[in-house]
Amino acid sequence: MGEPTAGEDPERGTEEALVARFRSGDSRAFDELVDIHMDRVFAVAVELLGSRQDAEDVTQEVLIKLYHHLPRLRMPGRLRPWLYRVCVNQCIDRRRSSRRQPLELDSSNFADCWPATDPATSVVAAALRQSVRAALAELPDQQRMAFTLRHFAGLSISEIAEMLRCAPATVRVHLSRATHRLREALSEEVSTDESL
């Protein structure tokens, strides 16, 4: 395989090559696929579930499904959306099975997802992360999933629509409402902090 041509996604070419290697018996190719995708799958699961332990369990379930479905998975270039769809479905199943218990937002759940950059601002950044996560936890499921998949997983509107089984316009509505609610929640918190 040569260099990707203009307009081609290099990650897609890499994925296709790794899938081909895995299908021909190279188990290391699976490990390389895991290295490419699993950190982001885990981060999405943490965002949707609010629990590091549950996110680890979901990530393991996604890995198992990937391993079993990869030999017959029809791609090309559809691996990333497939992984996130499986992740979202596993998160939904886990939330249903826990009878919609409130999310427990312990800051240690998210330590690896948003690393602090400057030590001088790490306290402020940690407080902001906690506020955003608390606000995200209050969103309705569809809005939280759309926002997380767009802003944390970097998926396109059409990919999210396919995943949530709705029209792209519906995804835009979910994103708009989620953004509006998050802004309101965060501005209320800032107003409360300033009045102290």
C-alpha atoms as a PDB file:
ATOM      1  CA  MET A   1       0.000   0.000   0.000  1.00  0.00           C
ATOM      2  CA  GLY A   2       1.330   3.429  -0.873  1.00  0.00           C
ATOM      3  CA  GLU A   3       0.778   6.811   0.657  1.00  0.00           C
ATOM      4  CA  PRO A   4      -2.864   7.873   0.974  1.00  0.00           C
ATOM      5  CA  THR A   5      -4.064  10.045  -1.875  1.00  0.00           C
ATOM      6  CA  ALA A   6      -5.450  13.531  -1.335  1.00  0.00           C
ATOM      7  CA  GLY A   7      -8.791  13.420   0.473  1.00  0.00           C
ATOM      8  CA  GLU A   8      -8.155   9.980   1.955  1.00  0.00           C
ATOM      9  CA  ASP A   9      -8.241   9.526   5.715  1.00  0.00           C
ATOM     10  CA  PRO A  10      -4.874   8.056   6.795  1.00  0.00           C
ATOM     11  CA  GLU A  11      -6.458   6.526   9.923  1.00  0.00           C
ATOM     12  CA  ARG A  12      -8.960   4.707   7.689  1.00  0.00           C
ATOM     13  CA  GLY A  13      -6.143   3.232   5.598  1.00  0.00           C
ATOM     14  CA  THR A  14      -4.342   2.162   8.752  1.00  0.00           C
ATOM     15  CA  GLU A  15      -7.520   0.567  10.132  1.00  0.00           C
ATOM     16  CA  GLU A  16      -8.151  -1.322   6.912  1.00  0.00           C
ATOM     17  CA  ALA A  17      -4.581  -2.625   6.877  1.00  0.00           C
ATOM     18  CA  LEU A  18      -4.823  -3.686  10.538  1.00  0.00           C
ATOM     19  CA  VAL A  19      -8.163  -5.413   9.970  1.00  0.00           C
ATOM     20  CA  ALA A  20      -6.701  -7.257   6.978  1.00  0.00           C
ATOM     21  CA  ARG A  21      -3.698  -8.340   9.072  1.00  0.00           C
ATOM     22  CA  PHE A  22      -5.966  -9.521  11.893  1.00  0.00           C
ATOM     23  CA  ARG A  23      -8.145 -11.469   9.478  1.00  0.00           C
ATOM     24  CA  SER A  24      -5.043 -13.167   8.105  1.00  0.00           C
ATOM     25  CA  GLY A  25      -4.054 -14.334  11.587  1.00  0.00           C
ATOM     26  CA  ASP A  26      -1.836 -11.538  12.966  1.00  0.00           C
ATOM     27  CA  SER A  27      -3.068 -11.060  16.557  1.00  0.00           C
ATOM     28  CA  ARG A  28      -0.770  -8.052  17.058  1.00  0.00           C
ATOM     29  CA  ALA A  29      -2.960  -6.134  14.616  1.00  0.00           C
ATOM     30  CA  PHE A  30      -5.822  -6.356  17.109  1.00  0.00           C
ATOM     31  CA  ASP A  31      -3.603  -4.852  19.820  1.00  0.00           C
ATOM     32  CA  GLU A  32      -2.753  -1.984  17.476  1.00  0.00           C
ATOM     33  CA  LEU A  33      -6.452  -1.332  16.798  1.00  0.00           C
ATOM     34  CA  VAL A  34      -7.047  -1.296  20.534  1.00  0.00           C
ATOM     35  CA  ASP A  35      -4.208   1.216  20.992  1.00  0.00           C
ATOM     36  CA  ILE A  36      -5.767   3.498  18.376  1.00  0.00           C
ATOM     37  CA  HIS A  37      -9.335   3.497  19.701  1.00  0.00           C
ATOM     38  CA  MET A  38      -9.788   2.319  23.259  1.00  0.00           C
ATOM     39  CA  ASP A  39      -8.697   5.455  25.141  1.00  0.00           C
ATOM     40  CA  ARG A  40     -11.381   7.462  23.367  1.00  0.00           C
ATOM     41  CA  VAL A  41     -13.977   4.700  23.801  1.00  0.00           C
ATOM     42  CA  PHE A  42     -13.162   4.672  27.514  1.00  0.00           C
ATOM     43  CA  ALA A  43     -13.435   8.481  27.726  1.00  0.00           C
ATOM     44  CA  VAL A  44     -16.868   8.378  26.066  1.00  0.00           C
ATOM     45  CA  ALA A  45     -18.014   5.652  28.471  1.00  0.00           C
ATOM     46  CA  VAL A  46     -16.815   7.714  31.459  1.00  0.00           C
ATOM     47  CA  GLU A  47     -18.720  10.720  30.153  1.00  0.00           C
ATOM     48  CA  LEU A  48     -21.925   8.736  29.641  1.00  0.00           C
ATOM     49  CA  LEU A  49     -21.790   6.698  32.839  1.00  0.00           C
ATOM     50  CA  GLY A  50     -19.989   8.955  35.293  1.00  0.00           C
ATOM     51  CA  SER A  51     -18.183   5.992  36.809  1.00  0.00           C
ATOM     52  CA  ARG A  52     -14.653   4.920  36.040  1.00  0.00           C
ATOM     53  CA  GLN A  53     -15.378   1.318  37.089  1.00  0.00           C
ATOM     54  CA  ASP A  54     -18.482   1.061  34.895  1.00  0.00           C
ATOM     55  CA  ALA A  55     -16.574   2.656  32.016  1.00  0.00           C
ATOM     56  CA  GLU A  56     -13.788   0.070  32.382  1.00  0.00           C
ATOM     57  CA  ASP A  57     -16.380  -2.714  32.298  1.00  0.00           C
ATOM     58  CA  VAL A  58     -18.052  -1.243  29.199  1.00  0.00           C
ATOM     59  CA  THR A  59     -14.682  -0.817  27.480  1.00  0.00           C
ATOM     60  CA  GLN A  60     -13.910  -4.490  28.128  1.00  0.00           C
ATOM     61  CA  GLU A  61     -17.301  -5.467  26.689  1.00  0.00           C
ATOM     62  CA  VAL A  62     -16.593  -3.349  23.595  1.00  0.00           C
ATOM     63  CA  LEU A  63     -13.194  -5.063  23.214  1.00  0.00           C
ATOM     64  CA  ILE A  64     -14.787  -8.505  23.402  1.00  0.00           C
ATOM     65  CA  LYS A  65     -17.405  -7.574  20.820  1.00  0.00           C
ATOM     66  CA  LEU A  66     -14.736  -6.100  18.551  1.00  0.00           C
ATOM     67  CA  TYR A  67     -12.646  -9.264  18.766  1.00  0.00           C
ATOM     68  CA  HIS A  68     -15.607 -11.507  17.915  1.00  0.00           C
ATOM     69  CA  HIS A  69     -17.113  -9.297  15.194  1.00  0.00           C
ATOM     70  CA  LEU A  70     -13.937  -8.108  13.480  1.00  0.00           C
ATOM     71  CA  PRO A  71     -13.530 -11.166  11.227  1.00  0.00           C
ATOM     72  CA  ARG A  72     -16.899 -10.468   9.587  1.00  0.00           C
ATOM     73  CA  LEU A  73     -17.347  -6.750  10.190  1.00  0.00           C
ATOM     74  CA  ARG A  74     -18.135  -4.899   6.982  1.00  0.00           C
ATOM     75  CA  MET A  75     -16.166  -1.701   6.849  1.00  0.00           C
ATOM     76  CA  PRO A  76     -14.333   0.044   5.051  1.00  0.00           C
ATOM     77  CA  GLY A  77     -13.688   2.971   7.321  1.00  0.00           C
ATOM     78  CA  ARG A  78     -16.695   2.213   9.496  1.00  0.00           C
ATOM     79  CA  LEU A  79     -14.833   0.821  12.489  1.00  0.00           C
ATOM     80  CA  ARG A  80     -14.808   3.997  14.571  1.00  0.00           C
ATOM     81  CA  PRO A  81     -18.580   4.653  14.306  1.00  0.00           C
ATOM     82  CA  TRP A  82     -19.234   0.946  14.954  1.00  0.00           C
ATOM     83  CA  LEU A  83     -17.105   1.035  18.121  1.00  0.00           C
ATOM     84  CA  TYR A  84     -18.903   4.103  19.448  1.00  0.00           C
ATOM     85  CA  ARG A  85     -22.312   2.624  18.624  1.00  0.00           C
ATOM     86  CA  VAL A  86     -21.418  -0.509  20.597  1.00  0.00           C
ATOM     87  CA  CYS A  87     -20.069   1.666  23.420  1.00  0.00           C
ATOM     88  CA  VAL A  88     -23.225   3.810  23.552  1.00  0.00           C
ATOM     89  CA  ASN A  89     -25.468   0.726  23.486  1.00  0.00           C
ATOM     90  CA  GLN A  90     -23.478  -0.901  26.289  1.00  0.00           C
ATOM     91  CA  CYS A  91     -23.714   2.309  28.332  1.00  0.00           C
ATOM     92  CA  ILE A  92     -27.476   2.488  27.778  1.00  0.00           C
ATOM     93  CA  ASP A  93     -27.858  -1.157  28.840  1.00  0.00           C
ATOM     94  CA  ARG A  94     -25.747  -0.571  31.941  1.00  0.00           C
ATOM     95  CA  ARG A  95     -27.750   2.517  32.911  1.00  0.00           C
ATOM     96  CA  ARG A  96     -31.030   0.627  32.429  1.00  0.00           C
ATOM     97  CA  SER A  97     -29.841  -2.287  34.510  1.00  0.00           C
ATOM     98  CA  SER A  98     -28.882   0.045  37.353  1.00  0.00           C
ATOM     99  CA  ARG A  99     -32.448   1.423  37.331  1.00  0.00           C
ATOM    100  CA  ARG A 100     -31.237   4.909  36.461  1.00  0.00           C
ATOM    101  CA  GLN A 101     -29.388   5.510  39.669  1.00  0.00           C
ATOM    102  CA  PRO A 102     -27.986   9.029  39.838  1.00  0.00           C
ATOM    103  CA  LEU A 103     -24.497   9.434  38.460  1.00  0.00           C
ATOM    104  CA  GLU A 104     -21.804   9.521  41.106  1.00  0.00           C
ATOM    105  CA  LEU A 105     -19.428  12.247  40.086  1.00  0.00           C
ATOM    106  CA  ASP A 106     -16.192  11.611  41.899  1.00  0.00           C
ATOM    107  CA  SER A 107     -13.371  13.684  40.421  1.00  0.00           C
ATOM    108  CA  SER A 108     -11.099  10.623  40.407  1.00  0.00           C
ATOM    109  CA  ASN A 109     -13.411   9.107  37.772  1.00  0.00           C
ATOM    110  CA  PHE A 110     -12.251  11.685  35.285  1.00  0.00           C
ATOM    111  CA  ALA A 111      -8.616  12.286  36.147  1.00  0.00           C
ATOM    112  CA  ASP A 112      -7.322  10.659  32.960  1.00  0.00           C
ATOM    113  CA  CYS A 113      -9.898  12.143  30.593  1.00  0.00           C
ATOM    114  CA  TRP A 114      -9.026  15.820  30.936  1.00  0.00           C
ATOM    115  CA  PRO A 115      -5.406  16.098  32.020  1.00  0.00           C
ATOM    116  CA  ALA A 116      -4.335  19.350  33.669  1.00  0.00           C
ATOM    117  CA  THR A 117      -1.904  21.395  31.595  1.00  0.00           C
ATOM    118  CA  ASP A 118      -0.433  24.136  33.765  1.00  0.00           C
ATOM    119  CA  PRO A 119       0.079  23.359  37.481  1.00  0.00           C
ATOM    120  CA  ALA A 120      -0.827  26.956  38.374  1.00  0.00           C
ATOM    121  CA  THR A 121      -4.294  26.529  36.881  1.00  0.00           C
ATOM    122  CA  SER A 122      -4.886  22.901  37.834  1.00  0.00           C
ATOM    123  CA  VAL A 123      -7.172  23.750  40.771  1.00  0.00           C
ATOM    124  CA  VAL A 124      -9.357  26.009  38.620  1.00  0.00           C
ATOM    125  CA  ALA A 125      -9.335  23.459  35.789  1.00  0.00           C
ATOM    126  CA  ALA A 126     -10.354  20.662  38.177  1.00  0.00           C
ATOM    127  CA  ALA A 127     -13.237  22.745  39.505  1.00  0.00           C
ATOM    128  CA  LEU A 128     -14.357  23.576  35.969  1.00  0.00           C
ATOM    129  CA  ARG A 129     -14.175  19.921  34.903  1.00  0.00           C
ATOM    130  CA  GLN A 130     -16.249  18.918  37.911  1.00  0.00           C
ATOM    131  CA  SER A 131     -18.831  21.612  37.137  1.00  0.00           C
ATOM    132  CA  VAL A 132     -19.093  20.548  33.496  1.00  0.00           C
ATOM    133  CA  ARG A 133     -19.455  16.903  34.468  1.00  0.00           C
ATOM    134  CA  ALA A 134     -22.134  17.682  37.043  1.00  0.00           C
ATOM    135  CA  ALA A 135     -24.014  19.726  34.432  1.00  0.00           C
ATOM    136  CA  LEU A 136     -23.627  16.917  31.860  1.00  0.00           C
ATOM    137  CA  ALA A 137     -25.033  14.414  34.356  1.00  0.00           C
ATOM    138  CA  GLU A 138     -28.219  16.487  34.574  1.00  0.00           C
ATOM    139  CA  LEU A 139     -28.879  16.403  30.824  1.00  0.00           C
ATOM    140  CA  PRO A 140     -31.452  14.016  29.350  1.00  0.00           C
ATOM    141  CA  ASP A 141     -29.802  10.886  27.927  1.00  0.00           C
ATOM    142  CA  GLN A 142     -30.123  11.796  24.225  1.00  0.00           C
ATOM    143  CA  GLN A 143     -28.685  15.265  24.773  1.00  0.00           C
ATOM    144  CA  ARG A 144     -25.806  13.956  26.896  1.00  0.00           C
ATOM    145  CA  MET A 145     -24.985  11.254  24.341  1.00  0.00           C
ATOM    146  CA  ALA A 146     -25.096  13.677  21.406  1.00  0.00           C
ATOM    147  CA  PHE A 147     -22.932  16.230  23.231  1.00  0.00           C
ATOM    148  CA  THR A 148     -20.418  13.616  24.398  1.00  0.00           C
ATOM    149  CA  LEU A 149     -20.107  11.951  21.007  1.00  0.00           C
ATOM    150  CA  ARG A 150     -19.669  15.308  19.277  1.00  0.00           C
ATOM    151  CA  HIS A 151     -17.319  17.045  21.691  1.00  0.00           C
ATOM    152  CA  PHE A 152     -15.429  14.195  23.364  1.00  0.00           C
ATOM    153  CA  ALA A 153     -15.381  11.549  20.621  1.00  0.00           C
ATOM    154  CA  GLY A 154     -15.245  14.013  17.727  1.00  0.00           C
ATOM    155  CA  LEU A 155     -17.907  12.270  15.658  1.00  0.00           C
ATOM    156  CA  SER A 156     -19.745  14.026  12.848  1.00  0.00           C
ATOM    157  CA  ILE A 157     -23.443  14.909  12.997  1.00  0.00           C
ATOM    158  CA  SER A 158     -24.231  12.131  10.495  1.00  0.00           C
ATOM    159  CA  GLU A 159     -22.256   9.548  12.488  1.00  0.00           C
ATOM    160  CA  ILE A 160     -24.085  10.537  15.681  1.00  0.00           C
ATOM    161  CA  ALA A 161     -27.431  10.398  13.856  1.00  0.00           C
ATOM    162  CA  GLU A 162     -26.641   6.889  12.661  1.00  0.00           C
ATOM    163  CA  MET A 163     -25.619   5.859  16.158  1.00  0.00           C
ATOM    164  CA  LEU A 164     -28.654   7.326  17.897  1.00  0.00           C
ATOM    165  CA  ARG A 165     -30.927   6.183  15.059  1.00  0.00           C
ATOM    166  CA  CYS A 166     -32.381   9.606  14.380  1.00  0.00           C
ATOM    167  CA  ALA A 167     -32.210  12.317  11.738  1.00  0.00           C
ATOM    168  CA  PRO A 168     -29.205  14.677  11.606  1.00  0.00           C
ATOM    169  CA  ALA A 169     -31.597  17.564  12.327  1.00  0.00           C
ATOM    170  CA  THR A 170     -32.609  15.828  15.561  1.00  0.00           C
ATOM    171  CA  VAL A 171     -28.949  15.528  16.567  1.00  0.00           C
ATOM    172  CA  ARG A 172     -28.525  19.262  15.954  1.00  0.00           C
ATOM    173  CA  VAL A 173     -31.523  19.943  18.189  1.00  0.00           C
ATOM    174  CA  HIS A 174     -30.073  17.705  20.936  1.00  0.00           C
ATOM    175  CA  LEU A 175     -26.725  19.484  20.658  1.00  0.00           C
ATOM    176  CA  SER A 176     -28.302  22.920  20.719  1.00  0.00           C
ATOM    177  CA  ARG A 177     -30.429  22.107  23.766  1.00  0.00           C
ATOM    178  CA  ALA A 178     -27.509  20.449  25.564  1.00  0.00           C
ATOM    179  CA  THR A 179     -25.277  23.451  24.912  1.00  0.00           C
ATOM    180  CA  HIS A 180     -27.998  25.834  26.103  1.00  0.00           C
ATOM    181  CA  ARG A 181     -28.606  23.836  29.298  1.00  0.00           C
ATOM    182  CA  LEU A 182     -24.886  23.547  30.023  1.00  0.00           C
ATOM    183  CA  ARG A 183     -24.419  27.290  29.558  1.00  0.00           C
ATOM    184  CA  GLU A 184     -27.328  27.980  31.906  1.00  0.00           C
ATOM    185  CA  ALA A 185     -26.066  25.555  34.543  1.00  0.00           C
ATOM    186  CA  LEU A 186     -22.519  26.882  34.399  1.00  0.00           C
ATOM    187  CA  SER A 187     -23.577  30.534  34.425  1.00  0.00           C
ATOM    188  CA  GLU A 188     -25.791  29.876  37.477  1.00  0.00           C
ATOM    189  CA  GLU A 189     -22.828  28.288  39.214  1.00  0.00           C
ATOM    190  CA  VAL A 190     -20.585  31.249  38.387  1.00  0.00           C
ATOM    191  CA  SER A 191     -23.265  33.639  39.693  1.00  0.00           C
ATOM    192  CA  THR A 192     -23.549  31.618  42.912  1.00  0.00           C
ATOM    193  CA  ASP A 193     -19.756  31.585  43.388  1.00  0.00           C
ATOM    194  CA  GLU A 194     -19.502  35.338  42.821  1.00  0.00           C
ATOM    195  CA  SER A 195     -22.191  36.037  45.426  1.00  0.00           C
ATOM    196  CA  LEU A 196     -20.303  34.140  48.143  1.00  0.00           C
END
